[in-house]
Amino acid sequence: MPTEAEVEQHPDAIAARALLEERLKRLTSAQRSAFHEAVRRCYASKPADPET
């Protein structure tokens, strides 16, 4: 399995990061904050219970 550092160097990852950064530049400060908060919540939340 590749490391995170190796995955970051993949051409698709580089292109996706550039696209994301370019789109984030178009947002207002409040929109960027909301985006970052939403991402934080996604990664900070526990996985859904597959039994429910």
C-alpha atoms as a PDB file:
ATOM      1  CA  MET A   1       0.000   0.000   0.000  1.00  0.00           C
ATOM      2  CA  PRO A   2       1.443   3.417  -0.927  1.00  0.00           C
ATOM      3  CA  THR A   3       2.165   5.968   1.755  1.00  0.00           C
ATOM      4  CA  GLU A   4       0.296   9.258   1.979  1.00  0.00           C
ATOM      5  CA  ALA A   5       3.421  11.050   0.728  1.00  0.00           C
ATOM      6  CA  GLU A   6       3.549   8.780  -2.329  1.00  0.00           C
ATOM      7  CA  VAL A   7      -0.153   9.303  -3.067  1.00  0.00           C
ATOM      8  CA  GLU A   8       0.306  13.092  -2.844  1.00  0.00           C
ATOM      9  CA  GLN A   9       2.770  12.898  -5.737  1.00  0.00           C
ATOM     10  CA  HIS A  10       0.375  11.109  -8.096  1.00  0.00           C
ATOM     11  CA  PRO A  11      -0.518  13.371 -11.063  1.00  0.00           C
ATOM     12  CA  ASP A  12      -4.254  13.016 -10.355  1.00  0.00           C
ATOM     13  CA  ALA A  13      -3.764  14.079  -6.730  1.00  0.00           C
ATOM     14  CA  ILE A  14      -1.664  17.060  -7.782  1.00  0.00           C
ATOM     15  CA  ALA A  15      -4.294  18.137 -10.320  1.00  0.00           C
ATOM     16  CA  ALA A  16      -7.155  17.685  -7.837  1.00  0.00           C
ATOM     17  CA  ARG A  17      -5.369  19.726  -5.174  1.00  0.00           C
ATOM     18  CA  ALA A  18      -4.703  22.541  -7.666  1.00  0.00           C
ATOM     19  CA  LEU A  19      -8.378  22.530  -8.704  1.00  0.00           C
ATOM     20  CA  LEU A  20      -9.543  22.595  -5.094  1.00  0.00           C
ATOM     21  CA  GLU A  21      -7.191  25.437  -4.176  1.00  0.00           C
ATOM     22  CA  GLU A  22      -8.272  27.440  -7.228  1.00  0.00           C
ATOM     23  CA  ARG A  23     -11.952  27.000  -6.348  1.00  0.00           C
ATOM     24  CA  LEU A  24     -11.387  27.850  -2.696  1.00  0.00           C
ATOM     25  CA  LYS A  25      -9.820  31.159  -3.776  1.00  0.00           C
ATOM     26  CA  ARG A  26     -13.172  32.133  -5.333  1.00  0.00           C
ATOM     27  CA  LEU A  27     -15.046  31.742  -2.049  1.00  0.00           C
ATOM     28  CA  THR A  28     -15.633  34.433   0.489  1.00  0.00           C
ATOM     29  CA  SER A  29     -13.911  34.126   3.838  1.00  0.00           C
ATOM     30  CA  ALA A  30     -17.176  32.961   5.417  1.00  0.00           C
ATOM     31  CA  GLN A  31     -17.697  30.344   2.707  1.00  0.00           C
ATOM     32  CA  ARG A  32     -14.143  29.031   3.147  1.00  0.00           C
ATOM     33  CA  SER A  33     -14.675  28.815   6.904  1.00  0.00           C
ATOM     34  CA  ALA A  34     -17.920  26.905   6.389  1.00  0.00           C
ATOM     35  CA  PHE A  35     -16.198  24.534   3.963  1.00  0.00           C
ATOM     36  CA  HIS A  36     -13.341  23.844   6.376  1.00  0.00           C
ATOM     37  CA  GLU A  37     -15.799  23.339   9.244  1.00  0.00           C
ATOM     38  CA  ALA A  38     -17.804  20.842   7.180  1.00  0.00           C
ATOM     39  CA  VAL A  39     -14.664  18.901   6.280  1.00  0.00           C
ATOM     40  CA  ARG A  40     -13.552  18.922   9.926  1.00  0.00           C
ATOM     41  CA  ARG A  41     -16.928  17.549  11.021  1.00  0.00           C
ATOM     42  CA  CYS A  42     -16.740  14.767   8.429  1.00  0.00           C
ATOM     43  CA  TYR A  43     -13.330  13.639   9.622  1.00  0.00           C
ATOM     44  CA  ALA A  44     -14.025  14.187  13.327  1.00  0.00           C
ATOM     45  CA  SER A  45     -17.292  12.256  13.368  1.00  0.00           C
ATOM     46  CA  LYS A  46     -17.404   8.581  14.167  1.00  0.00           C
ATOM     47  CA  PRO A  47     -18.292   6.139  11.379  1.00  0.00           C
ATOM     48  CA  ALA A  48     -21.939   5.256  10.948  1.00  0.00           C
ATOM     49  CA  ASP A  49     -23.087   2.068  12.678  1.00  0.00           C
ATOM     50  CA  PRO A  50     -23.546  -0.543   9.925  1.00  0.00           C
ATOM     51  CA  GLU A  51     -26.185  -2.286  12.084  1.00  0.00           C
ATOM     52  CA  THR A  52     -28.607   0.644  11.910  1.00  0.00           C
END
